[in-house]
C-alpha atoms as a PDB file:
ATOM      1  CA  MET A   1     349.453  38.742  73.289  1.00  0.00           C
ATOM      2  CA  ARG A   2     350.622  41.185  75.970  1.00  0.00           C
ATOM      3  CA  THR A   3     347.191  42.727  76.549  1.00  0.00           C
ATOM      4  CA  ARG A   4     345.611  39.323  76.764  1.00  0.00           C
ATOM      5  CA  THR A   5     348.015  37.809  79.295  1.00  0.00           C
ATOM      6  CA  LYS A   6     348.920  40.865  81.360  1.00  0.00           C
ATOM      7  CA  PRO A   7     345.823  40.915  83.635  1.00  0.00           C
ATOM      8  CA  ALA A   8     346.457  37.292  84.661  1.00  0.00           C
ATOM      9  CA  LEU A   9     350.119  37.769  85.579  1.00  0.00           C
ATOM     10  CA  LYS A  10     351.743  39.118  88.712  1.00  0.00           C
ATOM     11  CA  PRO A  11     353.959  42.194  88.122  1.00  0.00           C
ATOM     12  CA  ASN A  12     357.183  40.304  88.860  1.00  0.00           C
ATOM     13  CA  THR A  13     356.168  37.436  86.571  1.00  0.00           C
ATOM     14  CA  LEU A  14     355.328  39.939  83.847  1.00  0.00           C
ATOM     15  CA  LYS A  15     358.807  41.445  84.137  1.00  0.00           C
ATOM     16  CA  GLN A  16     360.341  38.003  83.730  1.00  0.00           C
ATOM     17  CA  TYR A  17     358.184  37.339  80.681  1.00  0.00           C
ATOM     18  CA  GLU A  18     359.178  40.672  79.166  1.00  0.00           C
ATOM     19  CA  ALA A  19     362.843  39.770  79.648  1.00  0.00           C
ATOM     20  CA  ALA A  20     362.162  36.438  77.931  1.00  0.00           C
ATOM     21  CA  CYS A  21     360.472  38.268  75.051  1.00  0.00           C
ATOM     22  CA  GLU A  22     363.604  40.362  74.533  1.00  0.00           C
ATOM     23  CA  ARG A  23     365.632  37.173  74.187  1.00  0.00           C
ATOM     24  CA  LEU A  24     363.106  35.843  71.665  1.00  0.00           C
ATOM     25  CA  LYS A  25     363.327  39.029  69.615  1.00  0.00           C
ATOM     26  CA  GLU A  26     367.102  38.642  69.446  1.00  0.00           C
ATOM     27  CA  ASN A  27     366.851  35.095  68.091  1.00  0.00           C
ATOM     28  CA  PHE A  28     363.734  35.215  65.900  1.00  0.00           C
ATOM     29  CA  ALA A  29     363.778  38.778  64.580  1.00  0.00           C
ATOM     30  CA  ASP A  30     364.137  37.595  60.977  1.00  0.00           C
ATOM     31  CA  PHE A  31     361.454  34.882  61.179  1.00  0.00           C
ATOM     32  CA  GLU A  32     357.819  35.021  60.176  1.00  0.00           C
ATOM     33  CA  PRO A  33     355.626  33.052  62.640  1.00  0.00           C
ATOM     34  CA  ARG A  34     355.041  30.201  60.170  1.00  0.00           C
ATOM     35  CA  GLU A  35     358.787  29.906  59.526  1.00  0.00           C
ATOM     36  CA  VAL A  36     359.609  28.937  63.119  1.00  0.00           C
ATOM     37  CA  LEU A  37     360.005  25.166  63.248  1.00  0.00           C
ATOM     38  CA  GLN A  38     360.589  22.763  66.098  1.00  0.00           C
ATOM     39  CA  ARG A  39     364.269  22.415  65.195  1.00  0.00           C
ATOM     40  CA  HIS A  40     364.666  26.169  65.637  1.00  0.00           C
ATOM     41  CA  VAL A  41     363.151  25.979  69.120  1.00  0.00           C
ATOM     42  CA  VAL A  42     365.447  23.065  70.015  1.00  0.00           C
ATOM     43  CA  ALA A  43     368.453  25.011  68.715  1.00  0.00           C
ATOM     44  CA  LEU A  44     367.510  27.963  70.928  1.00  0.00           C
ATOM     45  CA  LYS A  45     367.098  25.660  73.923  1.00  0.00           C
ATOM     46  CA  LEU A  46     370.561  24.161  73.389  1.00  0.00           C
ATOM     47  CA  HIS A  47     372.069  27.605  72.789  1.00  0.00           C
ATOM     48  CA  MET A  48     370.816  28.705  76.224  1.00  0.00           C
ATOM     49  CA  ALA A  49     371.745  25.474  78.007  1.00  0.00           C
ATOM     50  CA  GLU A  50     374.173  27.265  80.337  1.00  0.00           C
ATOM     51  CA  THR A  51     371.244  29.234  81.803  1.00  0.00           C
ATOM     52  CA  PRO A  52     368.576  26.506  82.123  1.00  0.00           C
ATOM     53  CA  ASN A  53     366.125  28.569  84.160  1.00  0.00           C
ATOM     54  CA  MET A  54     366.073  31.404  81.638  1.00  0.00           C
ATOM     55  CA  SER A  55     365.982  28.927  78.761  1.00  0.00           C
ATOM     56  CA  ASN A  56     362.896  27.241  80.227  1.00  0.00           C
ATOM     57  CA  ARG A  57     361.218  30.588  80.758  1.00  0.00           C
ATOM     58  CA  VAL A  58     361.929  31.674  77.181  1.00  0.00           C
ATOM     59  CA  ILE A  59     360.524  28.425  75.768  1.00  0.00           C
ATOM     60  CA  SER A  60     357.444  28.745  78.006  1.00  0.00           C
ATOM     61  CA  VAL A  61     356.778  32.245  76.713  1.00  0.00           C
ATOM     62  CA  LEU A  62     357.300  31.113  73.127  1.00  0.00           C
ATOM     63  CA  ARG A  63     354.897  28.214  73.682  1.00  0.00           C
ATOM     64  CA  ALA A  64     352.264  30.650  74.984  1.00  0.00           C
ATOM     65  CA  VAL A  65     352.800  32.960  72.005  1.00  0.00           C
ATOM     66  CA  PHE A  66     352.271  30.126  69.531  1.00  0.00           C
ATOM     67  CA  THR A  67     349.231  28.859  71.444  1.00  0.00           C
ATOM     68  CA  TYR A  68     347.731  32.314  70.971  1.00  0.00           C
ATOM     69  CA  ALA A  69     348.784  32.369  67.290  1.00  0.00           C
ATOM     70  CA  LEU A  70     347.310  28.914  66.728  1.00  0.00           C
ATOM     71  CA  GLU A  71     343.978  29.886  68.258  1.00  0.00           C
ATOM     72  CA  HIS A  72     343.840  32.936  65.964  1.00  0.00           C
ATOM     73  CA  GLN A  73     344.806  30.904  62.881  1.00  0.00           C
ATOM     74  CA  ILE A  74     348.060  32.786  62.391  1.00  0.00           C
ATOM     75  CA  VAL A  75     349.989  29.483  62.351  1.00  0.00           C
ATOM     76  CA  ASP A  76     349.037  25.857  61.768  1.00  0.00           C
ATOM     77  CA  SER A  77     351.003  24.273  64.613  1.00  0.00           C
ATOM     78  CA  ASN A  78     352.926  25.016  67.786  1.00  0.00           C
ATOM     79  CA  PRO A  79     356.645  24.230  67.269  1.00  0.00           C
ATOM     80  CA  CYS A  80     357.244  24.160  71.038  1.00  0.00           C
ATOM     81  CA  ILE A  81     355.099  21.059  71.548  1.00  0.00           C
ATOM     82  CA  GLY A  82     357.359  18.122  72.364  1.00  0.00           C
ATOM     83  CA  VAL A  83     360.350  20.265  73.375  1.00  0.00           C
ATOM     84  CA  ARG A  84     361.237  19.224  76.905  1.00  0.00           C
ATOM     85  CA  ARG A  85     362.376  21.627  79.597  1.00  0.00           C
ATOM     86  CA  HIS A  86     365.902  21.704  80.972  1.00  0.00           C
ATOM     87  CA  LEU A  87     366.379  20.073  84.349  1.00  0.00           C
ATOM     88  CA  GLU A  88     366.636  22.950  86.831  1.00  0.00           C
ATOM     89  CA  HIS A  89     369.037  22.306  89.691  1.00  0.00           C
ATOM     90  CA  LYS A  90     367.915  23.383  93.124  1.00  0.00           C
ATOM     91  CA  ARG A  91     369.954  26.278  94.463  1.00  0.00           C
ATOM     92  CA  ASP A  92     371.611  25.460  97.776  1.00  0.00           C
ATOM     93  CA  ARG A  93     373.743  28.566  98.354  1.00  0.00           C
ATOM     94  CA  TYR A  94     373.651  29.642 102.000  1.00  0.00           C
ATOM     95  CA  ILE A  95     374.999  33.084 102.887  1.00  0.00           C
ATOM     96  CA  THR A  96     376.887  32.785 106.172  1.00  0.00           C
ATOM     97  CA  HIS A  97     376.592  35.357 108.940  1.00  0.00           C
ATOM     98  CA  GLY A  98     380.121  36.574 108.197  1.00  0.00           C
ATOM     99  CA  GLU A  99     379.341  36.970 104.489  1.00  0.00           C
ATOM    100  CA  PHE A 100     376.136  38.858 105.241  1.00  0.00           C
ATOM    101  CA  GLN A 101     377.964  41.232 107.575  1.00  0.00           C
ATOM    102  CA  ALA A 102     380.644  41.810 104.930  1.00  0.00           C
ATOM    103  CA  ILE A 103     378.003  42.541 102.283  1.00  0.00           C
ATOM    104  CA  CYS A 104     376.253  45.035 104.551  1.00  0.00           C
ATOM    105  CA  ALA A 105     379.567  46.663 105.476  1.00  0.00           C
ATOM    106  CA  ASN A 106     380.226  47.315 101.785  1.00  0.00           C
ATOM    107  CA  SER A 107     376.788  48.817 101.118  1.00  0.00           C
ATOM    108  CA  SER A 108     375.260  52.269 101.360  1.00  0.00           C
ATOM    109  CA  ASP A 109     373.086  52.993 104.387  1.00  0.00           C
ATOM    110  CA  ASN A 110     369.984  52.846 102.194  1.00  0.00           C
ATOM    111  CA  MET A 111     370.793  49.481 100.646  1.00  0.00           C
ATOM    112  CA  ARG A 112     372.033  47.968 103.881  1.00  0.00           C
ATOM    113  CA  ALA A 113     368.684  48.746 105.489  1.00  0.00           C
ATOM    114  CA  ILE A 114     366.866  46.992 102.618  1.00  0.00           C
ATOM    115  CA  TYR A 115     369.063  43.886 102.896  1.00  0.00           C
ATOM    116  CA  GLU A 116     368.541  43.739 106.650  1.00  0.00           C
ATOM    117  CA  MET A 117     364.780  44.142 106.235  1.00  0.00           C
ATOM    118  CA  CYS A 118     364.771  41.248 103.745  1.00  0.00           C
ATOM    119  CA  TYR A 119     366.562  39.128 106.313  1.00  0.00           C
ATOM    120  CA  LEU A 120     364.537  40.128 109.372  1.00  0.00           C
ATOM    121  CA  THR A 121     361.150  39.689 107.677  1.00  0.00           C
ATOM    122  CA  GLY A 122     361.981  36.755 105.386  1.00  0.00           C
ATOM    123  CA  GLN A 123     359.892  38.324 102.618  1.00  0.00           C
ATOM    124  CA  ARG A 124     360.536  38.581  98.896  1.00  0.00           C
ATOM    125  CA  ILE A 125     362.366  41.697  97.785  1.00  0.00           C
ATOM    126  CA  GLY A 126     359.312  43.059  95.948  1.00  0.00           C
ATOM    127  CA  ASP A 127     357.193  42.819  99.094  1.00  0.00           C
ATOM    128  CA  VAL A 128     359.911  44.473 101.184  1.00  0.00           C
ATOM    129  CA  LEU A 129     360.215  47.425  98.808  1.00  0.00           C
ATOM    130  CA  ALA A 130     356.423  47.806  98.858  1.00  0.00           C
ATOM    131  CA  ILE A 131     356.198  48.250 102.648  1.00  0.00           C
ATOM    132  CA  ARG A 132     354.106  51.340 103.310  1.00  0.00           C
ATOM    133  CA  LEU A 133     354.385  53.417 106.443  1.00  0.00           C
ATOM    134  CA  ALA A 134     350.720  52.546 107.036  1.00  0.00           C
ATOM    135  CA  ASP A 135     351.656  48.837 107.125  1.00  0.00           C
ATOM    136  CA  ILE A 136     353.787  49.341 110.234  1.00  0.00           C
ATOM    137  CA  SER A 137     352.258  49.211 113.713  1.00  0.00           C
ATOM    138  CA  THR A 138     353.350  48.327 117.222  1.00  0.00           C
ATOM    139  CA  ASP A 139     352.238  44.763 116.451  1.00  0.00           C
ATOM    140  CA  GLY A 140     354.563  44.398 113.462  1.00  0.00           C
ATOM    141  CA  ILE A 141     354.647  44.815 109.680  1.00  0.00           C
ATOM    142  CA  ALA A 142     351.622  43.727 107.656  1.00  0.00           C
ATOM    143  CA  PHE A 143     352.306  42.136 104.285  1.00  0.00           C
ATOM    144  CA  LYS A 144     350.119  41.058 101.392  1.00  0.00           C
ATOM    145  CA  GLN A 145     352.464  38.913  99.360  1.00  0.00           C
ATOM    146  CA  GLU A 146     352.490  39.886  95.705  1.00  0.00           C
ATOM    147  CA  LYS A 147     353.125  36.350  94.464  1.00  0.00           C
ATOM    148  CA  THR A 148     350.481  34.477  96.509  1.00  0.00           C
ATOM    149  CA  ASN A 149     348.174  37.241  97.817  1.00  0.00           C
ATOM    150  CA  ALA A 150     348.706  35.691 101.263  1.00  0.00           C
ATOM    151  CA  ARG A 151     348.356  38.066 104.203  1.00  0.00           C
ATOM    152  CA  LEU A 152     350.982  37.961 106.923  1.00  0.00           C
ATOM    153  CA  LEU A 153     351.950  39.940 109.995  1.00  0.00           C
ATOM    154  CA  VAL A 154     355.636  39.770 110.852  1.00  0.00           C
ATOM    155  CA  GLN A 155     355.624  40.497 114.549  1.00  0.00           C
ATOM    156  CA  MET A 156     357.596  43.435 115.880  1.00  0.00           C
ATOM    157  CA  THR A 157     360.922  42.619 117.502  1.00  0.00           C
ATOM    158  CA  GLN A 158     363.585  44.853 118.956  1.00  0.00           C
ATOM    159  CA  ASP A 159     365.750  44.329 115.866  1.00  0.00           C
ATOM    160  CA  LEU A 160     362.861  45.288 113.569  1.00  0.00           C
ATOM    161  CA  GLU A 161     361.943  48.302 115.668  1.00  0.00           C
ATOM    162  CA  GLU A 162     365.529  49.589 115.632  1.00  0.00           C
ATOM    163  CA  LEU A 163     365.855  48.998 111.872  1.00  0.00           C
ATOM    164  CA  ILE A 164     362.609  50.861 111.114  1.00  0.00           C
ATOM    165  CA  ALA A 165     363.765  53.803 113.244  1.00  0.00           C
ATOM    166  CA  ARG A 166     367.096  53.820 111.392  1.00  0.00           C
ATOM    167  CA  VAL A 167     365.342  53.829 108.002  1.00  0.00           C
ATOM    168  CA  LYS A 168     363.067  56.692 108.995  1.00  0.00           C
ATOM    169  CA  ALA A 169     366.104  58.685 110.146  1.00  0.00           C
ATOM    170  CA  LEU A 170     367.827  58.434 106.746  1.00  0.00           C
ATOM    171  CA  PRO A 171     368.061  61.837 104.997  1.00  0.00           C
ATOM    172  CA  ARG A 172     365.222  62.388 102.530  1.00  0.00           C
ATOM    173  CA  LYS A 173     364.271  65.523 100.615  1.00  0.00           C
ATOM    174  CA  ILE A 174     360.767  64.175 100.182  1.00  0.00           C
ATOM    175  CA  ARG A 175     359.167  61.511 102.371  1.00  0.00           C
ATOM    176  CA  GLY A 176     357.067  59.100 100.325  1.00  0.00           C
ATOM    177  CA  LEU A 177     354.306  56.703 101.364  1.00  0.00           C
ATOM    178  CA  THR A 178     356.642  53.712 101.394  1.00  0.00           C
ATOM    179  CA  LEU A 179     359.222  52.964 104.073  1.00  0.00           C
ATOM    180  CA  PHE A 180     361.981  52.691 101.480  1.00  0.00           C
ATOM    181  CA  CYS A 181     362.148  55.522  98.989  1.00  0.00           C
ATOM    182  CA  SER A 182     364.725  57.293  96.879  1.00  0.00           C
ATOM    183  CA  PRO A 183     366.735  59.942  98.765  1.00  0.00           C
ATOM    184  CA  ARG A 184     365.836  62.709  96.316  1.00  0.00           C
ATOM    185  CA  GLY A 185     362.437  62.156  94.780  1.00  0.00           C
ATOM    186  CA  GLY A 186     360.740  60.136  97.489  1.00  0.00           C
ATOM    187  CA  LYS A 187     359.661  57.490  94.973  1.00  0.00           C
ATOM    188  CA  PRO A 188     359.679  53.758  95.826  1.00  0.00           C
ATOM    189  CA  VAL A 189     363.012  52.014  95.275  1.00  0.00           C
ATOM    190  CA  HIS A 190     363.150  49.936  92.091  1.00  0.00           C
ATOM    191  CA  TYR A 191     364.025  46.246  92.232  1.00  0.00           C
ATOM    192  CA  SER A 192     366.712  46.515  89.558  1.00  0.00           C
ATOM    193  CA  SER A 193     368.517  49.198  91.589  1.00  0.00           C
ATOM    194  CA  VAL A 194     368.675  46.922  94.623  1.00  0.00           C
ATOM    195  CA  LYS A 195     369.737  43.922  92.556  1.00  0.00           C
ATOM    196  CA  ASP A 196     372.588  45.848  90.919  1.00  0.00           C
ATOM    197  CA  ALA A 197     373.682  47.365  94.237  1.00  0.00           C
ATOM    198  CA  PHE A 198     373.707  43.936  95.893  1.00  0.00           C
ATOM    199  CA  ALA A 199     375.958  42.547  93.158  1.00  0.00           C
ATOM    200  CA  ILE A 200     378.367  45.450  93.655  1.00  0.00           C
ATOM    201  CA  SER A 201     378.369  44.963  97.438  1.00  0.00           C
ATOM    202  CA  CYS A 202     379.100  41.250  97.039  1.00  0.00           C
ATOM    203  CA  ARG A 203     381.983  42.004  94.701  1.00  0.00           C
ATOM    204  CA  LYS A 204     383.472  44.532  97.127  1.00  0.00           C
ATOM    205  CA  ALA A 205     383.034  42.095 100.015  1.00  0.00           C
ATOM    206  CA  GLY A 206     384.601  39.237  98.087  1.00  0.00           C
ATOM    207  CA  VAL A 207     381.443  37.137  98.413  1.00  0.00           C
ATOM    208  CA  GLU A 208     380.912  34.907  95.382  1.00  0.00           C
ATOM    209  CA  ASP A 209     377.841  33.188  93.956  1.00  0.00           C
ATOM    210  CA  ALA A 210     375.363  35.109  96.099  1.00  0.00           C
ATOM    211  CA  SER A 211     372.117  36.619  94.843  1.00  0.00           C
ATOM    212  CA  LEU A 212     369.605  38.978  96.365  1.00  0.00           C
ATOM    213  CA  HIS A 213     367.078  36.129  96.580  1.00  0.00           C
ATOM    214  CA  ASP A 214     369.451  34.175  98.837  1.00  0.00           C
ATOM    215  CA  LEU A 215     368.563  36.582 101.658  1.00  0.00           C
ATOM    216  CA  ARG A 216     365.073  35.077 101.912  1.00  0.00           C
ATOM    217  CA  ALA A 217     366.578  31.593 101.995  1.00  0.00           C
ATOM    218  CA  LYS A 218     368.998  32.666 104.725  1.00  0.00           C
ATOM    219  CA  SER A 219     366.180  34.190 106.760  1.00  0.00           C
ATOM    220  CA  LEU A 220     363.983  31.088 106.594  1.00  0.00           C
ATOM    221  CA  SER A 221     366.951  28.775 107.187  1.00  0.00           C
ATOM    222  CA  ASP A 222     368.093  30.717 110.262  1.00  0.00           C
ATOM    223  CA  THR A 223     364.508  30.922 111.538  1.00  0.00           C
ATOM    224  CA  ASP A 224     364.187  27.156 111.276  1.00  0.00           C
ATOM    225  CA  ASP A 225     367.590  26.629 112.893  1.00  0.00           C
ATOM    226  CA  GLN A 226     366.537  28.814 115.832  1.00  0.00           C
ATOM    227  CA  GLY A 227     363.463  26.654 116.400  1.00  0.00           C
ATOM    228  CA  ASN A 228     360.867  29.072 114.998  1.00  0.00           C
ATOM    229  CA  ASP A 229     358.244  28.435 112.324  1.00  0.00           C
ATOM    230  CA  ALA A 230     359.859  29.069 108.933  1.00  0.00           C
ATOM    231  CA  GLN A 231     356.691  28.067 107.099  1.00  0.00           C
ATOM    232  CA  LYS A 232     354.666  30.831 108.751  1.00  0.00           C
ATOM    233  CA  LEU A 233     357.371  33.402 108.129  1.00  0.00           C
ATOM    234  CA  GLY A 234     357.588  32.387 104.484  1.00  0.00           C
ATOM    235  CA  GLY A 235     353.812  32.585 104.092  1.00  0.00           C
ATOM    236  CA  HIS A 236     353.655  29.107 102.573  1.00  0.00           C
ATOM    237  CA  THR A 237     350.547  26.930 102.740  1.00  0.00           C
ATOM    238  CA  ASP A 238     352.597  23.877 101.784  1.00  0.00           C
ATOM    239  CA  ALA A 239     355.520  22.748 103.957  1.00  0.00           C
ATOM    240  CA  LYS A 240     357.241  21.332 100.857  1.00  0.00           C
ATOM    241  CA  MET A 241     357.608  24.854  99.497  1.00  0.00           C
ATOM    242  CA  THR A 242     359.338  25.965 102.690  1.00  0.00           C
ATOM    243  CA  GLN A 243     361.728  23.025 102.447  1.00  0.00           C
ATOM    244  CA  ARG A 244     362.952  24.361  99.113  1.00  0.00           C
ATOM    245  CA  TYR A 245     364.282  27.425 100.939  1.00  0.00           C
ATOM    246  CA  LEU A 246     365.934  25.703 103.897  1.00  0.00           C
ATOM    247  CA  ARG A 247     369.660  25.502 103.286  1.00  0.00           C
ATOM    248  CA  LEU A 248     370.954  24.664 106.754  1.00  0.00           C
ATOM    249  CA  ARG A 249     370.849  20.913 106.503  1.00  0.00           C
ATOM    250  CA  LYS A 250     371.441  18.797 109.590  1.00  0.00           C
ATOM    251  CA  ILE A 251     374.478  16.583 109.075  1.00  0.00           C
ATOM    252  CA  ASN A 252     373.917  12.870 109.633  1.00  0.00           C
ATOM    253  CA  LYS A 253     376.620  11.141 111.668  1.00  0.00           C
ATOM    254  CA  ALA A 254     377.451   7.533 110.822  1.00  0.00           C
ATOM    255  CA  THR A 255     379.896   5.005 112.273  1.00  0.00           C
ATOM    256  CA  PRO A 256     382.081   3.308 109.637  1.00  0.00           C
ATOM    257  CA  PRO A 257     382.993  -0.418 109.719  1.00  0.00           C
ATOM    258  CA  ARG A 258     386.267  -1.634 111.185  1.00  0.00           C
ATOM    259  CA  LEU A 259     389.057  -3.146 109.094  1.00  0.00           C
ATOM    260  CA  PHE A 260     389.239  -6.940 108.929  1.00  0.00           C
ATOM    261  CA  SER A 261     392.638  -6.898 110.632  1.00  0.00           C
ATOM    262  CA  THR A 262     391.107  -5.086 113.586  1.00  0.00           C
ATOM    263  CA  LEU A 263     388.288  -7.635 113.763  1.00  0.00           C
ATOM    264  CA  ASP A 264     390.839 -10.491 113.762  1.00  0.00           C
ATOM    265  CA  LYS A 265     392.687  -8.967 116.693  1.00  0.00           C
ATOM    266  CA  VAL A 266     389.473  -8.582 118.664  1.00  0.00           C
ATOM    267  CA  SER A 267     388.414 -12.201 117.968  1.00  0.00           C
ATOM    268  CA  ASN A 268     391.870 -13.539 119.000  1.00  0.00           C
END
């Protein structure tokens, strides 16, 4: 199954699928493929109801596994057919400027630079960690987005220029090919390290319900609020996709009706 699907999946998607597979192993370790019935899949779905996104991903992976097994005559049916997905609520968490400053203040110099690069470029964390020194020019930073393969040049600004200079000045025993690398070995920084460090920084800063992915939403939201093109910065071909990231909603102002007693006084 892995060798068949791996070439068609992006690295980040593959990691998510592998995490889903671990959850499946925990729940179906004692089952033979033909023993898994629809009621077992439904039970798993309900068991994971508190994490609907992960639950949906796990069921999707299980559905793909049984599709493969069905095609190879390992099973006679796919027990995932007819099992509906959880309704996934849209995340609307917006990290304020004060919260972002507090998070950065409670971070190491290395991690702070990564968070700030996520914000200034508006790119996904995987694309930020993959920035090579060769991708940086006086024009800006060139990206080829891992998820969409879209090419994008984030134009150089004074903030970006100063941040890049600060990153290059960080102490390194070995300088790697990527802008961000481990202080000792010079290897690219791993996503899980940044994710864990961000959670620790948030806890120290007293910032709740914030995730590393909220930095991209903050960047695109602030870009839109400042009158710039958030869709271009996000690398989206569809404006609807950009709207999913915008979390600075304009507040509608409405005039309420007057009380009847007030209307009587005016008429008299």
